[in-house]
Amino acid sequence: MPLQKDFETPSTGATAGYHVVQQVSLDYVSSQIDATVASYLSKDARDAGKFPLYTQQITVAGLPAAGADARDYAQQQLVAAAPQDGSGPYANRFVFAGAEIVD
């Protein structure tokens, strides 16, 4: 399921509102995942076959439970609230905090 949240893309300053987790890599040694997220202007733009405005890789601590869908896990982690103290292991880790998971 895609994510919906306005996000100003660093490369152009354009606002992307529709984000798709395109790839998830699981690192069992480090117990983390890397999610590749493509950001589009809108759902209509993606559905029309337009290129994403921005693509980034976001590292998330933890792994999905055995048998769970890795992309679903990644999406749930990406929308999770950022720590109140502003800490985070990577600069882009919480860029989709508070986003809505949409159909």
N, C-alpha and C. Protein backbone atom coordinates (compact mmCIF):
# COMPACT_ATOMS: atom_id res chain seq x y z
N MET A 1 0.83 -1.18 0.00
CA MET A 1 0.00 0.00 0.00
C MET A 1 0.88 1.25 0.00
N PRO A 2 0.56 2.21 -0.79
CA PRO A 2 1.33 3.46 -0.84
C PRO A 2 1.10 4.32 0.41
N LEU A 3 1.96 5.31 0.55
CA LEU A 3 1.88 6.27 1.64
C LEU A 3 1.47 7.61 1.06
N GLN A 4 0.67 8.36 1.83
CA GLN A 4 0.26 9.68 1.38
C GLN A 4 0.67 10.71 2.43
N LYS A 5 1.50 11.65 1.99
CA LYS A 5 1.95 12.75 2.84
C LYS A 5 2.72 13.71 1.96
N ASP A 6 2.52 15.00 2.16
CA ASP A 6 3.30 15.97 1.40
C ASP A 6 4.75 15.93 1.87
N PHE A 7 5.65 15.87 0.91
CA PHE A 7 7.08 15.77 1.17
C PHE A 7 7.80 16.63 0.14
N GLU A 8 8.58 17.60 0.61
CA GLU A 8 9.34 18.45 -0.31
C GLU A 8 10.60 17.71 -0.72
N THR A 9 10.71 17.42 -2.00
CA THR A 9 11.86 16.65 -2.48
C THR A 9 13.12 17.52 -2.44
N PRO A 10 14.20 16.98 -1.89
CA PRO A 10 15.43 17.76 -1.73
C PRO A 10 16.05 18.20 -3.06
N SER A 11 15.90 17.38 -4.09
CA SER A 11 16.59 17.68 -5.35
C SER A 11 15.97 18.83 -6.13
N THR A 12 14.65 19.02 -6.01
CA THR A 12 13.99 20.06 -6.80
C THR A 12 13.15 21.03 -5.98
N GLY A 13 12.79 20.64 -4.77
CA GLY A 13 11.90 21.45 -3.96
C GLY A 13 10.44 21.23 -4.30
N ALA A 14 10.16 20.37 -5.27
CA ALA A 14 8.78 20.06 -5.64
C ALA A 14 8.15 19.20 -4.53
N THR A 15 6.85 19.35 -4.37
CA THR A 15 6.14 18.58 -3.35
C THR A 15 5.58 17.31 -3.94
N ALA A 16 6.00 16.19 -3.37
CA ALA A 16 5.48 14.88 -3.75
C ALA A 16 4.48 14.46 -2.67
N GLY A 17 3.36 13.89 -3.08
CA GLY A 17 2.34 13.52 -2.12
C GLY A 17 2.02 12.05 -2.05
N TYR A 18 2.63 11.26 -2.93
CA TYR A 18 2.28 9.84 -3.05
C TYR A 18 3.57 9.04 -3.12
N HIS A 19 3.74 8.09 -2.20
CA HIS A 19 5.02 7.42 -2.05
C HIS A 19 4.82 5.90 -2.05
N VAL A 20 5.68 5.21 -2.79
CA VAL A 20 5.56 3.76 -2.95
C VAL A 20 6.85 3.08 -2.52
N VAL A 21 6.72 2.11 -1.62
CA VAL A 21 7.87 1.29 -1.24
C VAL A 21 8.09 0.32 -2.39
N GLN A 22 9.18 0.51 -3.12
CA GLN A 22 9.45 -0.29 -4.30
C GLN A 22 10.28 -1.53 -4.00
N GLN A 23 11.09 -1.45 -2.96
CA GLN A 23 11.99 -2.56 -2.67
C GLN A 23 12.30 -2.56 -1.18
N VAL A 24 12.41 -3.76 -0.62
CA VAL A 24 12.80 -3.91 0.77
C VAL A 24 13.92 -4.95 0.84
N SER A 25 15.02 -4.58 1.48
CA SER A 25 16.13 -5.49 1.70
C SER A 25 16.22 -5.78 3.19
N LEU A 26 16.38 -7.06 3.52
CA LEU A 26 16.47 -7.47 4.92
C LEU A 26 17.91 -7.82 5.24
N ASP A 27 18.41 -7.24 6.33
CA ASP A 27 19.76 -7.53 6.79
C ASP A 27 19.62 -8.27 8.12
N TYR A 28 19.76 -9.59 8.06
CA TYR A 28 19.57 -10.41 9.25
C TYR A 28 20.71 -10.27 10.25
N VAL A 29 21.89 -9.91 9.80
CA VAL A 29 23.03 -9.75 10.71
C VAL A 29 22.84 -8.47 11.54
N SER A 30 22.45 -7.38 10.88
CA SER A 30 22.29 -6.10 11.57
C SER A 30 20.88 -5.89 12.13
N SER A 31 19.97 -6.81 11.83
CA SER A 31 18.57 -6.69 12.26
C SER A 31 17.97 -5.35 11.84
N GLN A 32 18.05 -5.08 10.54
CA GLN A 32 17.46 -3.86 10.01
C GLN A 32 17.00 -4.10 8.58
N ILE A 33 16.17 -3.19 8.10
CA ILE A 33 15.72 -3.25 6.71
C ILE A 33 16.09 -1.94 6.01
N ASP A 34 16.24 -2.03 4.71
CA ASP A 34 16.42 -0.86 3.87
C ASP A 34 15.24 -0.84 2.91
N ALA A 35 14.45 0.22 2.99
CA ALA A 35 13.29 0.38 2.12
C ALA A 35 13.59 1.44 1.07
N THR A 36 13.41 1.10 -0.19
CA THR A 36 13.57 2.07 -1.27
C THR A 36 12.20 2.64 -1.57
N VAL A 37 12.07 3.95 -1.41
CA VAL A 37 10.78 4.64 -1.55
C VAL A 37 10.85 5.60 -2.73
N ALA A 38 9.88 5.45 -3.66
CA ALA A 38 9.76 6.37 -4.79
C ALA A 38 8.63 7.34 -4.49
N SER A 39 8.89 8.63 -4.67
CA SER A 39 7.92 9.68 -4.37
C SER A 39 7.42 10.32 -5.66
N TYR A 40 6.10 10.31 -5.81
CA TYR A 40 5.45 10.84 -7.00
C TYR A 40 4.65 12.10 -6.66
N LEU A 41 4.40 12.90 -7.68
CA LEU A 41 3.57 14.08 -7.50
C LEU A 41 2.22 13.69 -6.90
N SER A 42 1.63 12.63 -7.44
CA SER A 42 0.30 12.19 -7.01
C SER A 42 0.07 10.75 -7.46
N LYS A 43 -1.02 10.17 -7.00
CA LYS A 43 -1.42 8.83 -7.44
C LYS A 43 -1.67 8.83 -8.94
N ASP A 44 -2.33 9.87 -9.41
CA ASP A 44 -2.62 9.97 -10.86
C ASP A 44 -1.33 9.97 -11.67
N ALA A 45 -0.31 10.67 -11.19
CA ALA A 45 0.97 10.70 -11.90
C ALA A 45 1.59 9.31 -11.97
N ARG A 46 1.56 8.59 -10.86
CA ARG A 46 2.11 7.22 -10.87
C ARG A 46 1.30 6.32 -11.78
N ASP A 47 -0.02 6.40 -11.66
CA ASP A 47 -0.90 5.57 -12.49
C ASP A 47 -0.72 5.85 -13.98
N ALA A 48 -0.32 7.07 -14.31
CA ALA A 48 -0.09 7.46 -15.70
C ALA A 48 1.30 7.03 -16.19
N GLY A 49 2.08 6.40 -15.31
CA GLY A 49 3.41 5.93 -15.71
C GLY A 49 4.50 6.98 -15.64
N LYS A 50 4.24 8.08 -14.94
CA LYS A 50 5.26 9.13 -14.81
C LYS A 50 6.40 8.65 -13.91
N PHE A 51 7.55 9.23 -14.09
CA PHE A 51 8.70 8.92 -13.25
C PHE A 51 8.52 9.55 -11.87
N PRO A 52 9.13 8.94 -10.85
CA PRO A 52 9.07 9.56 -9.52
C PRO A 52 9.86 10.86 -9.51
N LEU A 53 9.42 11.78 -8.63
CA LEU A 53 10.15 13.03 -8.45
C LEU A 53 11.44 12.79 -7.67
N TYR A 54 11.41 11.76 -6.83
CA TYR A 54 12.55 11.50 -5.96
C TYR A 54 12.50 10.05 -5.51
N THR A 55 13.65 9.43 -5.34
CA THR A 55 13.75 8.08 -4.80
C THR A 55 14.82 8.09 -3.72
N GLN A 56 14.51 7.44 -2.61
CA GLN A 56 15.47 7.40 -1.50
C GLN A 56 15.41 6.06 -0.80
N GLN A 57 16.50 5.74 -0.13
CA GLN A 57 16.57 4.52 0.66
C GLN A 57 16.54 4.93 2.13
N ILE A 58 15.65 4.27 2.89
CA ILE A 58 15.49 4.58 4.31
C ILE A 58 15.77 3.31 5.11
N THR A 59 16.68 3.42 6.06
CA THR A 59 17.04 2.29 6.92
C THR A 59 16.18 2.33 8.18
N VAL A 60 15.62 1.17 8.51
CA VAL A 60 14.75 1.04 9.67
C VAL A 60 15.27 -0.11 10.54
N ALA A 61 15.37 0.12 11.84
CA ALA A 61 15.80 -0.92 12.76
C ALA A 61 14.71 -1.98 12.91
N GLY A 62 15.13 -3.22 13.06
CA GLY A 62 14.19 -4.31 13.28
C GLY A 62 13.89 -5.08 12.00
N LEU A 63 13.30 -6.25 12.20
CA LEU A 63 12.91 -7.12 11.09
C LEU A 63 11.46 -7.55 11.26
N PRO A 64 10.77 -7.87 10.17
CA PRO A 64 9.41 -8.37 10.31
C PRO A 64 9.42 -9.75 10.96
N ALA A 65 8.30 -10.12 11.56
CA ALA A 65 8.17 -11.44 12.15
C ALA A 65 8.26 -12.49 11.04
N ALA A 66 8.67 -13.68 11.39
CA ALA A 66 8.76 -14.78 10.41
C ALA A 66 7.40 -14.96 9.73
N GLY A 67 7.42 -14.99 8.41
CA GLY A 67 6.20 -15.17 7.63
C GLY A 67 5.44 -13.90 7.33
N ALA A 68 5.81 -12.78 7.94
CA ALA A 68 5.13 -11.51 7.69
C ALA A 68 5.64 -10.89 6.40
N ASP A 69 4.83 -10.09 5.77
CA ASP A 69 5.20 -9.41 4.54
C ASP A 69 6.19 -8.28 4.85
N ALA A 70 7.35 -8.30 4.22
CA ALA A 70 8.40 -7.31 4.50
C ALA A 70 7.98 -5.90 4.09
N ARG A 71 7.26 -5.75 2.99
CA ARG A 71 6.84 -4.42 2.57
C ARG A 71 5.80 -3.84 3.53
N ASP A 72 4.86 -4.66 3.97
CA ASP A 72 3.87 -4.19 4.95
C ASP A 72 4.57 -3.73 6.22
N TYR A 73 5.55 -4.51 6.67
CA TYR A 73 6.31 -4.14 7.86
C TYR A 73 7.03 -2.80 7.65
N ALA A 74 7.68 -2.65 6.51
CA ALA A 74 8.40 -1.41 6.21
C ALA A 74 7.46 -0.22 6.23
N GLN A 75 6.29 -0.36 5.61
CA GLN A 75 5.34 0.75 5.57
C GLN A 75 4.88 1.14 6.98
N GLN A 76 4.60 0.15 7.80
CA GLN A 76 4.18 0.44 9.18
C GLN A 76 5.28 1.18 9.94
N GLN A 77 6.52 0.78 9.73
CA GLN A 77 7.63 1.43 10.42
C GLN A 77 7.86 2.84 9.89
N LEU A 78 7.69 3.04 8.59
CA LEU A 78 7.92 4.35 7.99
C LEU A 78 6.93 5.40 8.48
N VAL A 79 5.70 5.02 8.76
CA VAL A 79 4.70 5.99 9.20
C VAL A 79 4.70 6.18 10.72
N ALA A 80 5.48 5.38 11.44
CA ALA A 80 5.54 5.48 12.90
C ALA A 80 6.03 6.86 13.32
N ALA A 81 5.56 7.31 14.46
CA ALA A 81 5.94 8.63 14.98
C ALA A 81 7.43 8.70 15.29
N ALA A 82 7.99 9.86 15.07
CA ALA A 82 9.39 10.11 15.41
C ALA A 82 9.53 10.23 16.92
N PRO A 83 10.69 9.92 17.46
CA PRO A 83 10.91 10.08 18.90
C PRO A 83 10.71 11.54 19.31
N GLN A 84 10.16 11.74 20.49
CA GLN A 84 9.89 13.10 20.99
C GLN A 84 11.16 13.92 21.18
N ASP A 85 12.27 13.25 21.42
CA ASP A 85 13.52 13.99 21.67
C ASP A 85 14.23 14.39 20.38
N GLY A 86 13.63 14.05 19.22
CA GLY A 86 14.21 14.43 17.95
C GLY A 86 15.37 13.56 17.50
N SER A 87 15.65 12.52 18.25
CA SER A 87 16.78 11.66 17.88
C SER A 87 16.38 10.73 16.74
N GLY A 88 17.33 10.26 16.06
CA GLY A 88 17.12 9.31 14.97
C GLY A 88 18.45 8.92 14.40
N PRO A 89 18.59 7.68 13.97
CA PRO A 89 19.90 7.22 13.50
C PRO A 89 20.31 7.80 12.14
N TYR A 90 19.34 8.14 11.31
CA TYR A 90 19.63 8.64 9.97
C TYR A 90 18.79 9.88 9.71
N ALA A 91 19.30 10.79 8.93
CA ALA A 91 18.62 12.06 8.69
C ALA A 91 17.22 11.88 8.09
N ASN A 92 17.05 10.88 7.23
CA ASN A 92 15.76 10.72 6.55
C ASN A 92 14.86 9.67 7.20
N ARG A 93 15.24 9.13 8.34
CA ARG A 93 14.50 8.01 8.92
C ARG A 93 13.02 8.31 9.15
N PHE A 94 12.66 9.50 9.56
CA PHE A 94 11.27 9.80 9.93
C PHE A 94 10.59 10.77 8.96
N VAL A 95 11.04 10.84 7.71
CA VAL A 95 10.42 11.78 6.76
C VAL A 95 8.96 11.43 6.47
N PHE A 96 8.56 10.17 6.66
CA PHE A 96 7.18 9.78 6.40
C PHE A 96 6.39 9.51 7.68
N ALA A 97 6.94 9.94 8.83
CA ALA A 97 6.21 9.80 10.09
C ALA A 97 4.87 10.52 9.98
N GLY A 98 3.83 9.84 10.39
CA GLY A 98 2.50 10.44 10.33
C GLY A 98 1.80 10.32 9.00
N ALA A 99 2.46 9.73 8.02
CA ALA A 99 1.81 9.55 6.71
C ALA A 99 0.65 8.58 6.83
N GLU A 100 -0.25 8.65 5.88
CA GLU A 100 -1.39 7.74 5.84
C GLU A 100 -1.09 6.62 4.84
N ILE A 101 -1.37 5.40 5.23
CA ILE A 101 -1.25 4.27 4.30
C ILE A 101 -2.57 4.19 3.54
N VAL A 102 -2.49 4.28 2.22
CA VAL A 102 -3.70 4.34 1.37
C VAL A 102 -3.75 3.17 0.39
N ASP A 103 -4.90 3.01 -0.21
CA ASP A 103 -5.07 1.96 -1.25
C ASP A 103 -4.55 2.43 -2.57
